[in-house]
Amino acid sequence: MDIDNRPNARKIKLVFFALPFLFVFTVGPLLIFDINSGFEIIVTLAIVIALLYLSLNFMEFNYLNISIDKKKLQVKYFGLAPLNKEYKRFQIKATEVYGYEIQPSFFGLKKMLVIFRKDRGELFRYPPVNINALNKHDTKKLIKGLELLTDINKQLT
């Protein structure tokens, strides 16, 4: 089973590129034409756009490519925000996946996927992966795949 959020990632990337232009188009006329009337409204709009941009950066949206099969679980992801461009990847043998957890953070707006691996009696925790950029269908598909994998492994031990 492969999960790829490329269409959602494109939309999020477009928002990240459009917001700075929107900011420039709202503040630019103030500076160029020396506008005095309606100054407060335009400055307020510019502040709202800047705060929206920063909050979207803080949400840490990721492009995700998750592959689950009978041999391995592979997760590839990288940040979509201009301030978060790290490419990361991890791979776990299917027989070592012990469990998973979806943890809400940032007032419940961010969903972080944490995968647990059991190897030689020890439990390892992989770093959290932000799954906010997945649509509902892909999220259900991911949960179903992980549930199946963990149920099989718990029955084997």
N, C-alpha and C. Protein backbone atom coordinates (compact mmCIF):
# COMPACT_ATOMS: atom_id res chain seq x y z
N MET A 1 0.85 -1.17 0.00
CA MET A 1 0.00 0.00 0.00
C MET A 1 0.90 1.24 0.00
N ASP A 2 0.65 2.12 -0.94
CA ASP A 2 1.41 3.36 -1.04
C ASP A 2 0.50 4.55 -0.76
N ILE A 3 1.01 5.47 0.02
CA ILE A 3 0.29 6.71 0.32
C ILE A 3 1.19 7.86 -0.08
N ASP A 4 0.66 8.71 -0.95
CA ASP A 4 1.42 9.83 -1.48
C ASP A 4 0.51 11.05 -1.49
N ASN A 5 0.90 12.13 -0.84
CA ASN A 5 0.04 13.31 -0.75
C ASN A 5 0.47 14.43 -1.68
N ARG A 6 0.91 14.07 -2.87
CA ARG A 6 1.40 15.06 -3.83
C ARG A 6 0.37 16.14 -4.18
N PRO A 7 -0.93 15.81 -4.45
CA PRO A 7 -1.89 16.88 -4.77
C PRO A 7 -2.07 17.89 -3.63
N ASN A 8 -2.16 17.39 -2.40
CA ASN A 8 -2.28 18.31 -1.26
C ASN A 8 -1.00 19.10 -1.05
N ALA A 9 0.14 18.47 -1.29
CA ALA A 9 1.42 19.17 -1.13
C ALA A 9 1.54 20.32 -2.12
N ARG A 10 1.05 20.12 -3.34
CA ARG A 10 1.09 21.20 -4.34
C ARG A 10 0.25 22.39 -3.90
N LYS A 11 -0.93 22.11 -3.36
CA LYS A 11 -1.80 23.20 -2.90
C LYS A 11 -1.16 23.97 -1.74
N ILE A 12 -0.56 23.25 -0.82
CA ILE A 12 0.09 23.90 0.33
C ILE A 12 1.28 24.72 -0.14
N LYS A 13 2.06 24.19 -1.06
CA LYS A 13 3.21 24.91 -1.60
C LYS A 13 2.76 26.19 -2.31
N LEU A 14 1.63 26.11 -3.03
CA LEU A 14 1.10 27.29 -3.71
C LEU A 14 0.72 28.38 -2.70
N VAL A 15 0.15 27.98 -1.57
CA VAL A 15 -0.20 28.96 -0.53
C VAL A 15 1.06 29.62 0.01
N PHE A 16 2.11 28.82 0.23
CA PHE A 16 3.36 29.38 0.74
C PHE A 16 3.99 30.36 -0.23
N PHE A 17 3.81 30.15 -1.53
CA PHE A 17 4.36 31.09 -2.51
C PHE A 17 3.45 32.28 -2.74
N ALA A 18 2.14 32.11 -2.56
CA ALA A 18 1.20 33.20 -2.83
C ALA A 18 1.14 34.22 -1.69
N LEU A 19 1.30 33.78 -0.45
CA LEU A 19 1.18 34.70 0.68
C LEU A 19 2.20 35.84 0.66
N PRO A 20 3.48 35.61 0.36
CA PRO A 20 4.41 36.75 0.29
C PRO A 20 4.03 37.76 -0.80
N PHE A 21 3.54 37.27 -1.95
CA PHE A 21 3.10 38.19 -3.00
C PHE A 21 1.89 39.00 -2.55
N LEU A 22 0.98 38.36 -1.85
CA LEU A 22 -0.18 39.07 -1.31
C LEU A 22 0.25 40.14 -0.31
N PHE A 23 1.24 39.81 0.50
CA PHE A 23 1.78 40.77 1.46
C PHE A 23 2.38 41.98 0.74
N VAL A 24 3.16 41.72 -0.30
CA VAL A 24 3.80 42.81 -1.06
C VAL A 24 2.74 43.67 -1.75
N PHE A 25 1.71 43.03 -2.30
CA PHE A 25 0.66 43.78 -2.99
C PHE A 25 -0.21 44.59 -2.04
N THR A 26 -0.24 44.25 -0.76
CA THR A 26 -1.00 45.07 0.18
C THR A 26 -0.14 46.19 0.76
N VAL A 27 1.12 45.91 1.04
CA VAL A 27 1.99 46.93 1.64
C VAL A 27 2.64 47.82 0.58
N GLY A 28 2.88 47.29 -0.61
CA GLY A 28 3.53 48.04 -1.68
C GLY A 28 2.87 49.36 -2.01
N PRO A 29 1.55 49.38 -2.24
CA PRO A 29 0.90 50.68 -2.55
C PRO A 29 1.04 51.71 -1.43
N LEU A 30 1.10 51.24 -0.19
CA LEU A 30 1.30 52.19 0.92
C LEU A 30 2.62 52.92 0.78
N LEU A 31 3.66 52.17 0.43
CA LEU A 31 4.98 52.75 0.34
C LEU A 31 5.18 53.55 -0.95
N ILE A 32 4.63 53.07 -2.03
CA ILE A 32 4.85 53.73 -3.32
C ILE A 32 4.00 54.99 -3.48
N PHE A 33 2.71 54.91 -3.15
CA PHE A 33 1.79 56.02 -3.41
C PHE A 33 1.52 56.88 -2.18
N ASP A 34 2.15 56.58 -1.06
CA ASP A 34 1.99 57.36 0.17
C ASP A 34 0.51 57.55 0.52
N ILE A 35 -0.17 56.42 0.72
CA ILE A 35 -1.60 56.43 1.01
C ILE A 35 -1.82 56.72 2.49
N ASN A 36 -2.69 57.68 2.78
CA ASN A 36 -2.99 58.02 4.17
C ASN A 36 -4.35 57.51 4.62
N SER A 37 -5.34 57.53 3.74
CA SER A 37 -6.67 57.08 4.13
C SER A 37 -6.74 55.56 4.00
N GLY A 38 -7.28 54.91 5.01
CA GLY A 38 -7.38 53.46 5.02
C GLY A 38 -6.07 52.78 5.38
N PHE A 39 -5.15 53.55 5.92
CA PHE A 39 -3.83 53.03 6.28
C PHE A 39 -3.95 51.91 7.32
N GLU A 40 -4.82 52.11 8.31
CA GLU A 40 -4.97 51.14 9.40
C GLU A 40 -5.49 49.79 8.88
N ILE A 41 -6.41 49.86 7.94
CA ILE A 41 -6.98 48.62 7.39
C ILE A 41 -5.93 47.83 6.63
N ILE A 42 -5.14 48.52 5.82
CA ILE A 42 -4.12 47.84 5.02
C ILE A 42 -3.02 47.28 5.90
N VAL A 43 -2.60 48.04 6.91
CA VAL A 43 -1.57 47.55 7.83
C VAL A 43 -2.09 46.35 8.62
N THR A 44 -3.35 46.41 9.04
CA THR A 44 -3.95 45.27 9.76
C THR A 44 -3.98 44.04 8.86
N LEU A 45 -4.36 44.22 7.60
CA LEU A 45 -4.38 43.11 6.66
C LEU A 45 -2.98 42.55 6.46
N ALA A 46 -1.98 43.40 6.36
CA ALA A 46 -0.60 42.95 6.19
C ALA A 46 -0.12 42.17 7.42
N ILE A 47 -0.50 42.62 8.61
CA ILE A 47 -0.13 41.90 9.84
C ILE A 47 -0.81 40.54 9.89
N VAL A 48 -2.08 40.49 9.48
CA VAL A 48 -2.80 39.21 9.45
C VAL A 48 -2.14 38.25 8.47
N ILE A 49 -1.74 38.74 7.31
CA ILE A 49 -1.08 37.88 6.31
C ILE A 49 0.25 37.37 6.87
N ALA A 50 1.02 38.24 7.52
CA ALA A 50 2.29 37.82 8.10
C ALA A 50 2.10 36.78 9.19
N LEU A 51 1.10 36.98 10.05
CA LEU A 51 0.83 35.99 11.11
C LEU A 51 0.35 34.67 10.53
N LEU A 52 -0.45 34.73 9.48
CA LEU A 52 -0.91 33.51 8.82
C LEU A 52 0.27 32.75 8.23
N TYR A 53 1.19 33.46 7.61
CA TYR A 53 2.38 32.84 7.03
C TYR A 53 3.23 32.17 8.10
N LEU A 54 3.44 32.86 9.22
CA LEU A 54 4.23 32.29 10.31
C LEU A 54 3.54 31.08 10.94
N SER A 55 2.22 31.16 11.10
CA SER A 55 1.51 30.03 11.69
C SER A 55 1.53 28.82 10.75
N LEU A 56 1.45 29.05 9.44
CA LEU A 56 1.57 27.93 8.50
C LEU A 56 2.96 27.32 8.55
N ASN A 57 3.99 28.15 8.74
CA ASN A 57 5.34 27.62 8.91
C ASN A 57 5.43 26.77 10.18
N PHE A 58 4.76 27.22 11.23
CA PHE A 58 4.80 26.49 12.50
C PHE A 58 4.05 25.16 12.42
N MET A 59 3.09 25.06 11.50
CA MET A 59 2.33 23.82 11.34
C MET A 59 3.20 22.70 10.76
N GLU A 60 4.30 23.03 10.13
CA GLU A 60 5.28 22.07 9.62
C GLU A 60 4.64 21.02 8.70
N PHE A 61 3.94 21.46 7.66
CA PHE A 61 3.35 20.53 6.71
C PHE A 61 4.46 19.77 5.99
N ASN A 62 4.21 18.50 5.72
CA ASN A 62 5.19 17.65 5.05
C ASN A 62 4.62 17.03 3.79
N TYR A 63 5.50 16.84 2.81
CA TYR A 63 5.18 15.95 1.70
C TYR A 63 5.49 14.56 2.21
N LEU A 64 4.54 13.65 2.09
CA LEU A 64 4.70 12.30 2.62
C LEU A 64 4.61 11.27 1.52
N ASN A 65 5.47 10.27 1.61
CA ASN A 65 5.39 9.10 0.77
C ASN A 65 5.58 7.92 1.70
N ILE A 66 4.50 7.21 1.98
CA ILE A 66 4.52 6.10 2.93
C ILE A 66 4.21 4.82 2.18
N SER A 67 5.05 3.83 2.38
CA SER A 67 4.88 2.55 1.71
C SER A 67 4.82 1.45 2.77
N ILE A 68 3.73 0.68 2.75
CA ILE A 68 3.56 -0.42 3.69
C ILE A 68 3.37 -1.69 2.86
N ASP A 69 4.24 -2.65 3.05
CA ASP A 69 4.05 -3.96 2.41
C ASP A 69 4.46 -5.05 3.37
N LYS A 70 4.50 -6.30 2.89
CA LYS A 70 4.75 -7.42 3.81
C LYS A 70 6.21 -7.51 4.25
N LYS A 71 7.10 -6.75 3.62
CA LYS A 71 8.51 -6.79 3.99
C LYS A 71 8.95 -5.60 4.83
N LYS A 72 8.37 -4.42 4.56
CA LYS A 72 8.88 -3.22 5.25
C LYS A 72 7.83 -2.11 5.30
N LEU A 73 8.07 -1.20 6.22
CA LEU A 73 7.34 0.06 6.32
C LEU A 73 8.36 1.15 6.03
N GLN A 74 8.10 1.95 5.02
CA GLN A 74 9.04 3.00 4.64
C GLN A 74 8.32 4.33 4.65
N VAL A 75 8.91 5.32 5.31
CA VAL A 75 8.34 6.66 5.40
C VAL A 75 9.37 7.65 4.89
N LYS A 76 8.99 8.39 3.84
CA LYS A 76 9.83 9.47 3.31
C LYS A 76 9.04 10.76 3.46
N TYR A 77 9.70 11.80 3.93
CA TYR A 77 9.01 13.07 4.09
C TYR A 77 9.98 14.23 4.06
N PHE A 78 9.46 15.38 3.61
CA PHE A 78 10.23 16.61 3.70
C PHE A 78 9.27 17.77 3.86
N GLY A 79 9.77 18.82 4.48
CA GLY A 79 8.94 19.98 4.79
C GLY A 79 8.57 20.78 3.56
N LEU A 80 7.34 21.28 3.56
CA LEU A 80 6.86 22.11 2.46
C LEU A 80 7.10 23.59 2.70
N ALA A 81 7.26 23.97 3.95
CA ALA A 81 7.45 25.38 4.28
C ALA A 81 8.86 25.83 3.92
N PRO A 82 9.02 27.09 3.54
CA PRO A 82 10.35 27.59 3.21
C PRO A 82 11.34 27.52 4.38
N LEU A 83 10.83 27.54 5.60
CA LEU A 83 11.71 27.48 6.76
C LEU A 83 11.98 26.05 7.22
N ASN A 84 11.39 25.05 6.56
CA ASN A 84 11.52 23.66 6.97
C ASN A 84 11.69 22.80 5.73
N LYS A 85 12.90 22.65 5.25
CA LYS A 85 13.14 21.94 3.99
C LYS A 85 13.90 20.63 4.16
N GLU A 86 13.94 20.07 5.35
CA GLU A 86 14.70 18.85 5.58
C GLU A 86 14.05 17.64 4.93
N TYR A 87 14.85 16.81 4.28
CA TYR A 87 14.38 15.55 3.72
C TYR A 87 14.78 14.44 4.69
N LYS A 88 13.80 13.65 5.10
CA LYS A 88 14.09 12.56 6.03
C LYS A 88 13.43 11.29 5.54
N ARG A 89 13.97 10.18 5.99
CA ARG A 89 13.46 8.88 5.58
C ARG A 89 13.83 7.86 6.63
N PHE A 90 12.90 6.94 6.90
CA PHE A 90 13.26 5.78 7.70
C PHE A 90 12.51 4.57 7.20
N GLN A 91 13.10 3.41 7.49
CA GLN A 91 12.55 2.16 7.01
C GLN A 91 12.63 1.15 8.15
N ILE A 92 11.54 0.40 8.33
CA ILE A 92 11.47 -0.59 9.39
C ILE A 92 11.01 -1.90 8.77
N LYS A 93 11.59 -3.00 9.22
CA LYS A 93 11.10 -4.30 8.77
C LYS A 93 9.67 -4.46 9.27
N ALA A 94 8.84 -5.09 8.47
CA ALA A 94 7.43 -5.25 8.82
C ALA A 94 7.26 -6.05 10.11
N THR A 95 8.17 -6.96 10.38
CA THR A 95 8.06 -7.79 11.59
C THR A 95 8.48 -7.05 12.85
N GLU A 96 9.10 -5.87 12.71
CA GLU A 96 9.57 -5.12 13.87
C GLU A 96 8.64 -3.97 14.27
N VAL A 97 7.60 -3.69 13.48
CA VAL A 97 6.67 -2.61 13.81
C VAL A 97 5.82 -3.07 14.99
N TYR A 98 5.94 -2.38 16.11
CA TYR A 98 5.24 -2.79 17.32
C TYR A 98 3.95 -2.01 17.52
N GLY A 99 3.95 -0.76 17.15
CA GLY A 99 2.76 0.06 17.35
C GLY A 99 2.94 1.44 16.77
N TYR A 100 1.91 2.23 16.93
CA TYR A 100 1.95 3.60 16.45
C TYR A 100 1.04 4.44 17.35
N GLU A 101 1.21 5.72 17.23
CA GLU A 101 0.40 6.66 18.01
C GLU A 101 0.24 7.94 17.19
N ILE A 102 -0.95 8.49 17.20
CA ILE A 102 -1.17 9.79 16.56
C ILE A 102 -1.41 10.79 17.67
N GLN A 103 -0.46 11.69 17.85
CA GLN A 103 -0.49 12.65 18.94
C GLN A 103 -0.89 14.03 18.42
N PRO A 104 -1.93 14.62 19.00
CA PRO A 104 -2.27 16.00 18.62
C PRO A 104 -1.35 16.99 19.34
N SER A 105 -1.03 18.07 18.67
CA SER A 105 -0.25 19.14 19.30
C SER A 105 -0.68 20.46 18.70
N PHE A 106 -0.15 21.56 19.23
CA PHE A 106 -0.50 22.92 18.78
C PHE A 106 -2.01 23.11 18.81
N PHE A 107 -2.57 22.92 19.99
CA PHE A 107 -4.01 23.06 20.26
C PHE A 107 -4.85 22.09 19.42
N GLY A 108 -4.30 20.92 19.14
CA GLY A 108 -5.03 19.92 18.38
C GLY A 108 -5.01 20.13 16.87
N LEU A 109 -4.28 21.12 16.38
CA LEU A 109 -4.24 21.41 14.95
C LEU A 109 -3.21 20.55 14.20
N LYS A 110 -2.15 20.13 14.89
CA LYS A 110 -1.12 19.30 14.28
C LYS A 110 -1.33 17.86 14.71
N LYS A 111 -1.26 16.94 13.75
CA LYS A 111 -1.33 15.51 14.05
C LYS A 111 0.04 14.91 13.76
N MET A 112 0.64 14.36 14.79
CA MET A 112 1.97 13.79 14.66
C MET A 112 1.89 12.27 14.77
N LEU A 113 2.47 11.57 13.81
CA LEU A 113 2.50 10.12 13.80
C LEU A 113 3.82 9.67 14.41
N VAL A 114 3.72 8.82 15.44
CA VAL A 114 4.90 8.24 16.08
C VAL A 114 4.81 6.73 15.90
N ILE A 115 5.87 6.15 15.38
CA ILE A 115 5.90 4.71 15.14
C ILE A 115 6.88 4.08 16.13
N PHE A 116 6.45 2.96 16.71
CA PHE A 116 7.28 2.23 17.67
C PHE A 116 7.78 0.94 17.03
N ARG A 117 9.03 0.63 17.31
CA ARG A 117 9.67 -0.57 16.77
C ARG A 117 10.18 -1.41 17.92
N LYS A 118 9.93 -2.70 17.86
CA LYS A 118 10.43 -3.61 18.88
C LYS A 118 11.49 -4.49 18.24
N ASP A 119 12.70 -4.41 18.81
CA ASP A 119 13.82 -5.18 18.29
C ASP A 119 14.59 -5.76 19.46
N ARG A 120 14.71 -7.07 19.52
CA ARG A 120 15.43 -7.78 20.58
C ARG A 120 14.92 -7.42 21.97
N GLY A 121 13.63 -7.29 22.10
CA GLY A 121 13.02 -7.02 23.40
C GLY A 121 13.00 -5.56 23.80
N GLU A 122 13.64 -4.69 23.05
CA GLU A 122 13.65 -3.26 23.37
C GLU A 122 12.68 -2.51 22.47
N LEU A 123 12.05 -1.49 23.02
CA LEU A 123 11.09 -0.69 22.29
C LEU A 123 11.74 0.63 21.89
N PHE A 124 11.74 0.92 20.59
CA PHE A 124 12.32 2.15 20.07
C PHE A 124 11.20 3.04 19.53
N ARG A 125 11.39 4.33 19.70
CA ARG A 125 10.40 5.31 19.26
C ARG A 125 11.02 6.15 18.15
N TYR A 126 10.38 6.17 17.00
CA TYR A 126 10.87 6.99 15.90
C TYR A 126 10.40 8.43 16.08
N PRO A 127 11.12 9.39 15.50
CA PRO A 127 10.71 10.79 15.64
C PRO A 127 9.33 11.02 15.03
N PRO A 128 8.57 11.94 15.62
CA PRO A 128 7.22 12.21 15.10
C PRO A 128 7.24 12.78 13.68
N VAL A 129 6.26 12.37 12.90
CA VAL A 129 6.09 12.84 11.52
C VAL A 129 4.74 13.54 11.44
N ASN A 130 4.74 14.75 10.93
CA ASN A 130 3.49 15.51 10.79
C ASN A 130 2.69 14.95 9.62
N ILE A 131 1.43 14.53 9.89
CA ILE A 131 0.59 13.96 8.84
C ILE A 131 -0.58 14.87 8.50
N ASN A 132 -0.48 16.15 8.83
CA ASN A 132 -1.57 17.10 8.54
C ASN A 132 -1.87 17.24 7.06
N ALA A 133 -0.88 17.08 6.21
CA ALA A 133 -1.09 17.30 4.78
C ALA A 133 -1.81 16.12 4.10
N LEU A 134 -2.06 15.05 4.84
CA LEU A 134 -2.82 13.93 4.27
C LEU A 134 -4.30 14.26 4.30
N ASN A 135 -5.03 13.84 3.26
CA ASN A 135 -6.47 14.02 3.30
C ASN A 135 -7.09 12.90 4.15
N LYS A 136 -8.38 12.98 4.41
CA LYS A 136 -9.03 12.02 5.31
C LYS A 136 -8.94 10.59 4.78
N HIS A 137 -9.10 10.43 3.49
CA HIS A 137 -9.05 9.10 2.90
C HIS A 137 -7.68 8.46 3.11
N ASP A 138 -6.62 9.23 2.84
CA ASP A 138 -5.26 8.71 3.01
C ASP A 138 -4.94 8.47 4.48
N THR A 139 -5.46 9.30 5.37
CA THR A 139 -5.23 9.10 6.80
C THR A 139 -5.88 7.80 7.26
N LYS A 140 -7.11 7.54 6.82
CA LYS A 140 -7.78 6.28 7.17
C LYS A 140 -7.03 5.08 6.59
N LYS A 141 -6.54 5.24 5.38
CA LYS A 141 -5.78 4.17 4.74
C LYS A 141 -4.49 3.88 5.51
N LEU A 142 -3.81 4.94 5.96
CA LEU A 142 -2.59 4.79 6.74
C LEU A 142 -2.88 4.09 8.06
N ILE A 143 -3.92 4.53 8.76
CA ILE A 143 -4.27 3.93 10.05
C ILE A 143 -4.65 2.46 9.86
N LYS A 144 -5.39 2.16 8.81
CA LYS A 144 -5.78 0.77 8.54
C LYS A 144 -4.54 -0.10 8.29
N GLY A 145 -3.61 0.41 7.50
CA GLY A 145 -2.38 -0.34 7.21
C GLY A 145 -1.54 -0.56 8.45
N LEU A 146 -1.39 0.48 9.27
CA LEU A 146 -0.60 0.35 10.50
C LEU A 146 -1.28 -0.57 11.51
N GLU A 147 -2.60 -0.48 11.60
CA GLU A 147 -3.36 -1.37 12.50
C GLU A 147 -3.15 -2.83 12.10
N LEU A 148 -3.26 -3.10 10.82
CA LEU A 148 -3.07 -4.45 10.32
C LEU A 148 -1.67 -4.96 10.63
N LEU A 149 -0.69 -4.13 10.39
CA LEU A 149 0.70 -4.50 10.64
C LEU A 149 0.96 -4.76 12.13
N THR A 150 0.48 -3.89 12.98
CA THR A 150 0.71 -4.07 14.42
C THR A 150 -0.08 -5.25 14.98
N ASP A 151 -1.29 -5.49 14.48
CA ASP A 151 -2.08 -6.64 14.95
C ASP A 151 -1.39 -7.95 14.59
N ILE A 152 -0.87 -8.04 13.38
CA ILE A 152 -0.17 -9.25 12.97
C ILE A 152 1.06 -9.47 13.84
N ASN A 153 1.83 -8.42 14.08
CA ASN A 153 3.06 -8.55 14.87
C ASN A 153 2.78 -8.87 16.33
N LYS A 154 1.71 -8.34 16.89
CA LYS A 154 1.38 -8.63 18.29
C LYS A 154 0.90 -10.07 18.44
N GLN A 155 0.28 -10.62 17.41
CA GLN A 155 -0.15 -12.02 17.47
C GLN A 155 1.04 -12.96 17.36
N LEU A 156 2.09 -12.52 16.66
CA LEU A 156 3.28 -13.36 16.50
C LEU A 156 4.11 -13.41 17.78
N THR A 157 4.01 -12.38 18.62
CA THR A 157 4.84 -12.37 19.86
C THR A 157 4.07 -12.84 21.06
